[in-house]
Protein backbone atom coordinates (compact mmCIF):
# COMPACT_ATOMS: atom_id res chain seq x y z
CA UNK A 1 125.02 76.04 78.41
CA UNK A 2 125.29 75.90 74.65
CA UNK A 3 122.71 77.70 72.53
CA UNK A 4 120.20 75.65 70.55
CA UNK A 5 120.17 75.83 66.74
CA UNK A 6 117.01 77.96 66.84
CA UNK A 7 118.63 80.45 69.19
CA UNK A 8 121.73 80.67 66.99
CA UNK A 9 119.65 81.34 63.87
CA UNK A 10 117.58 84.10 65.41
CA UNK A 11 118.26 87.63 64.08
CA UNK A 12 118.28 90.57 66.45
CA UNK A 13 115.20 92.74 65.55
CA UNK A 14 117.19 95.90 66.29
CA UNK A 15 119.68 94.96 63.56
CA UNK A 16 116.84 94.56 61.06
CA UNK A 17 115.53 98.03 61.94
CA UNK A 18 118.99 99.58 61.49
CA UNK A 19 119.41 97.89 58.10
CA UNK A 20 115.98 99.08 56.97
CA UNK A 21 116.77 102.70 57.91
CA UNK A 22 120.09 102.53 56.04
CA UNK A 23 118.32 101.23 52.93
CA UNK A 24 115.74 104.03 53.05
CA UNK A 25 118.48 106.66 53.43
CA UNK A 26 120.38 105.26 50.44
CA UNK A 27 117.20 105.19 48.36
CA UNK A 28 116.57 108.87 49.07
CA UNK A 29 119.72 109.82 47.18
CA UNK A 30 117.98 108.80 43.95
CA UNK A 31 115.24 111.39 44.47
CA UNK A 32 117.07 114.62 45.20
CA UNK A 33 115.61 117.83 43.86
CA UNK A 34 112.77 120.32 44.32
CA UNK A 35 110.02 118.80 46.37
CA UNK A 36 106.26 118.87 46.52
CA UNK A 37 104.53 119.61 49.80
CA UNK A 38 103.60 115.94 50.14
CA UNK A 39 106.92 114.37 49.12
CA UNK A 40 109.87 116.67 49.67
CA UNK A 41 112.13 114.86 47.20
CA UNK A 42 109.83 114.49 44.19
CA UNK A 43 111.10 116.05 40.99
CA UNK A 44 108.92 117.40 38.18
CA UNK A 45 108.68 115.31 35.05
CA UNK A 46 109.99 116.65 31.73
CA UNK A 47 107.44 118.06 29.31
CA UNK A 48 107.32 115.06 27.02
CA UNK A 49 104.78 112.73 28.73
CA UNK A 50 104.28 109.38 27.08
CA UNK A 51 107.81 109.28 25.70
CA UNK A 52 109.28 105.80 25.31
CA UNK A 53 111.46 104.42 28.06
CA UNK A 54 115.14 104.57 27.18
CA UNK A 55 118.13 102.72 28.53
CA UNK A 56 120.47 105.22 30.20
CA UNK A 57 123.24 106.04 27.76
CA UNK A 58 125.97 108.52 28.65
CA UNK A 59 127.68 108.44 25.27
CA UNK A 60 130.22 111.24 25.16
CA UNK A 61 128.99 114.05 22.92
CA UNK A 62 130.95 117.27 22.97
CA UNK A 63 128.85 120.38 22.38
CA UNK A 64 130.03 123.97 21.98
CA UNK A 65 129.82 126.24 25.00
CA UNK A 66 126.64 128.37 25.03
CA UNK A 67 127.04 132.06 24.32
CA UNK A 68 125.25 133.09 27.52
CA UNK A 69 127.11 131.84 30.63
CA UNK A 70 127.02 135.03 32.81
CA UNK A 71 130.59 134.33 33.83
CA UNK A 72 129.45 131.16 35.63
CA UNK A 73 131.81 128.36 36.59
CA UNK A 74 131.76 125.97 33.63
CA UNK A 75 129.99 122.63 33.95
CA UNK A 76 133.31 121.07 33.00
CA UNK A 77 134.50 121.95 36.52
CA UNK A 78 131.94 119.72 38.20
CA UNK A 79 130.04 117.41 35.78
CA UNK A 80 131.42 113.87 35.54
CA UNK A 81 129.44 113.02 32.43
CA UNK A 82 128.33 114.54 29.14
CA UNK A 83 124.93 115.69 27.93
CA UNK A 84 122.58 113.21 26.24
CA UNK A 85 120.99 115.37 23.49
CA UNK A 86 118.57 112.69 22.28
CA UNK A 87 116.81 113.00 25.64
CA UNK A 88 116.46 116.80 25.45
CA UNK A 89 114.64 119.46 23.44
CA UNK A 90 116.17 122.57 21.95
CA UNK A 91 115.52 125.74 23.93
CA UNK A 92 112.72 127.95 22.64
CA UNK A 93 112.72 131.77 22.94
CA UNK A 94 113.06 132.64 26.61
CA UNK A 95 109.88 133.87 28.27
CA UNK A 96 110.36 133.05 31.96
CA UNK A 97 112.94 132.58 34.68
CA UNK A 98 112.16 130.26 37.60
CA UNK A 99 113.91 130.12 40.97
CA UNK A 100 114.31 126.83 42.86
CA UNK A 101 116.10 125.28 45.80
CA UNK A 102 117.50 121.78 45.48
CA UNK A 103 115.30 120.48 48.33
CA UNK A 104 117.93 118.14 49.77
CA UNK A 105 119.43 118.49 53.25
CA UNK A 106 120.48 121.91 54.56
CA UNK A 107 123.71 123.01 52.87
CA UNK A 108 125.98 125.78 54.15
CA UNK A 109 129.46 124.80 52.99
CA UNK A 110 131.27 127.55 51.09
CA UNK A 111 133.89 125.15 49.70
CA UNK A 112 133.94 125.00 45.93
CA UNK A 113 134.52 121.26 46.01
CA UNK A 114 131.40 120.73 48.14
CA UNK A 115 129.23 122.65 45.69
CA UNK A 116 130.70 120.69 42.77
CA UNK A 117 129.98 117.39 44.52
CA UNK A 118 126.39 118.41 45.30
CA UNK A 119 125.75 119.41 41.70
CA UNK A 120 127.07 116.08 40.47
CA UNK A 121 124.79 114.26 42.93
CA UNK A 122 121.81 116.17 41.54
CA UNK A 123 122.87 115.50 37.93
CA UNK A 124 123.12 111.76 38.51
CA UNK A 125 119.77 111.71 40.26
CA UNK A 126 118.12 113.58 37.40
CA UNK A 127 119.53 111.13 34.87
CA UNK A 128 117.75 108.30 36.69
CA UNK A 129 114.35 109.99 36.62
CA UNK A 130 111.50 108.53 34.58
CA UNK A 131 113.42 105.47 33.49
CA UNK A 132 116.44 107.43 32.29
CA UNK A 133 114.67 109.92 30.01
CA UNK A 134 116.48 113.02 31.25
CA UNK A 135 119.49 114.21 29.26
CA UNK A 136 121.23 116.23 31.96
CA UNK A 137 120.71 118.09 35.22
CA UNK A 138 117.37 119.91 34.89
CA UNK A 139 118.50 123.42 35.86
CA UNK A 140 120.45 125.93 33.76
CA UNK A 141 122.28 127.70 36.59
CA UNK A 142 123.09 127.01 40.24
CA UNK A 143 124.08 129.33 43.08
CA UNK A 144 126.06 127.98 46.03
CA UNK A 145 126.26 129.26 49.66
CA UNK A 146 129.33 131.35 48.81
CA UNK A 147 127.36 133.19 46.11
CA UNK A 148 129.21 131.54 43.22
CA UNK A 149 127.27 131.00 40.01
CA UNK A 150 127.63 127.61 38.28
CA UNK A 151 126.69 126.62 34.76
CA UNK A 152 124.39 123.60 34.78
CA UNK A 153 122.41 122.58 31.67
CA UNK A 154 123.55 124.78 28.75
CA UNK A 155 120.99 127.35 27.64
CA UNK A 156 120.93 125.82 24.17
CA UNK A 157 118.77 123.08 25.71
CA UNK A 158 115.34 123.29 27.29
CA UNK A 159 115.40 122.62 31.01
CA UNK A 160 113.48 120.04 33.07
CA UNK A 161 112.55 121.85 36.26
CA UNK A 162 108.81 122.77 36.14
CA UNK A 163 106.31 120.14 35.05
CA UNK A 164 104.75 121.06 31.66
CA UNK A 165 106.19 124.61 31.89
CA UNK A 166 109.76 124.10 30.71
CA UNK A 167 109.45 125.69 27.26
CA UNK A 168 111.34 128.97 27.17
CA UNK A 169 111.87 128.76 30.94
CA UNK A 170 115.34 129.24 32.46
CA UNK A 171 115.82 127.31 35.72
CA UNK A 172 118.04 128.73 38.47
CA UNK A 173 118.57 126.58 41.57
CA UNK A 174 119.97 127.83 44.88
CA UNK A 175 121.84 124.93 46.50
CA UNK A 176 120.34 124.03 49.87
CA UNK A 177 116.97 123.50 51.50
CA UNK A 178 115.29 126.80 52.37
CA UNK A 179 112.52 125.17 54.32
CA UNK A 180 115.26 124.21 56.79
CA UNK A 181 117.76 127.06 56.49
CA UNK A 182 117.85 130.77 55.69
CA UNK A 183 119.18 132.18 52.46
CA UNK A 184 122.33 134.26 53.07
CA UNK A 185 123.43 137.63 51.74
CA UNK A 186 125.95 136.22 49.27
CA UNK A 187 123.28 134.03 47.72
CA UNK A 188 120.76 136.87 47.53
CA UNK A 189 123.31 139.10 45.84
CA UNK A 190 124.03 136.33 43.33
CA UNK A 191 120.33 135.72 42.69
CA UNK A 192 119.80 139.44 42.08
CA UNK A 193 122.75 139.84 39.72
CA UNK A 194 121.86 136.66 37.82
CA UNK A 195 118.26 137.79 37.35
CA UNK A 196 119.42 141.24 36.30
CA UNK A 197 121.67 139.81 33.61
CA UNK A 198 119.07 137.36 32.30
CA UNK A 199 116.24 139.91 32.30
CA UNK A 200 118.42 142.38 30.39
CA UNK A 201 119.60 139.75 27.89
CA UNK A 202 116.11 138.43 27.13
CA UNK A 203 114.20 141.68 27.68
CA UNK A 204 112.01 140.19 30.39
CA UNK A 205 110.04 142.22 32.96
CA UNK A 206 110.04 141.27 36.64
CA UNK A 207 106.58 139.76 36.18
CA UNK A 208 108.20 136.95 34.18
CA UNK A 209 110.39 135.93 37.15
CA UNK A 210 108.69 133.25 39.22
CA UNK A 211 109.40 130.65 41.87
CA UNK A 212 108.59 126.97 41.49
CA UNK A 213 105.69 127.13 43.94
CA UNK A 214 104.09 129.86 41.83
CA UNK A 215 103.81 127.31 39.02
CA UNK A 216 102.78 124.24 40.99
CA UNK A 217 101.84 122.83 44.40
CA UNK A 218 105.34 122.50 45.82
CA UNK A 219 107.29 123.85 48.78
CA UNK A 220 110.15 124.83 46.45
CA UNK A 221 112.06 127.15 46.82
CA UNK A 222 111.37 126.98 50.56
CA UNK A 223 109.95 129.59 52.90
CA UNK A 224 113.13 131.63 53.32
CA UNK A 225 113.94 131.91 49.62
CA UNK A 226 110.29 132.46 48.68
CA UNK A 227 110.11 135.39 51.10
CA UNK A 228 113.34 136.79 49.70
CA UNK A 229 111.99 136.57 46.16
CA UNK A 230 108.82 138.42 47.16
CA UNK A 231 111.05 141.17 48.55
CA UNK A 232 113.20 141.33 45.41
CA UNK A 233 110.19 141.65 43.15
CA UNK A 234 108.60 144.18 45.48
CA UNK A 235 111.46 146.55 44.73
CA UNK A 236 110.38 146.32 41.06
CA UNK A 237 113.97 146.52 39.95
CA UNK A 238 117.08 144.66 41.02
C-alpha cells in the first residue's frame, strides 16, 4: 500500500536528535579553553571590559621575535594566522606566572603535528571570543604531552588568560584536560624547567607562581595538574 503524503513528509524523531547532538558538538569547538566549574569550556575575558566590538581582522602584521623564547618551538611552526596588535596591550613588567590546562578533551598524543593542530584550534577559538576582540591565542607558552615547549603569544604582548589579572602575568598552558587525565613525567619536567627559566629571568619567587584556580573560581588546571603544582611549590625550589 502506498504511503500517504502526511506519512511521506514525517521526519524520524531519532534523526532530529542526532542532528541536534552534532550541532552541539560543533558549537563546542568555538569555546575551547580553561573552564569554570560551572561551564567547562568558558574562557576568561580580556582585561579591557567595555571595549568596542570589532570585526575580526587578521591583517598580516609581521613582528620581531621576542627576546625570551626559552628555546620553545616558534609560533611560526603552528600558527596559521598573524597577531592582531590593535586588539592587544603591551606587556607590563612581569610579576606573576600562571599555569593552565586547555580544558578540552583528554589529549595524550606525542606527535608534534597533533600538538600544532590543537594549538591552532585554540588560537582560532580565542580570536572569536567577545565578538572578535582578542588579538591572538591568550597564552604565552604551551607544553604538549611529549614535554615540548611551544611559543604561543609573544611575551611582548600582554596575555588574555586570567580575567582582570593579565597585567604582567605570563600564561603557560599544558595541553590536555587534567580533570580527565593525569599529567605525565615529561610534562612535569617541562613545567619545572619553564618555571625555573622564567623565575630566574624575571627574578620572581615561587610565591608568584600560581594556577588559574588560585585566581578565580575555575577547575583549571584540573585536579591532577593542580596537585602536581602544589608538590612543585612545596619543594620551594625547582
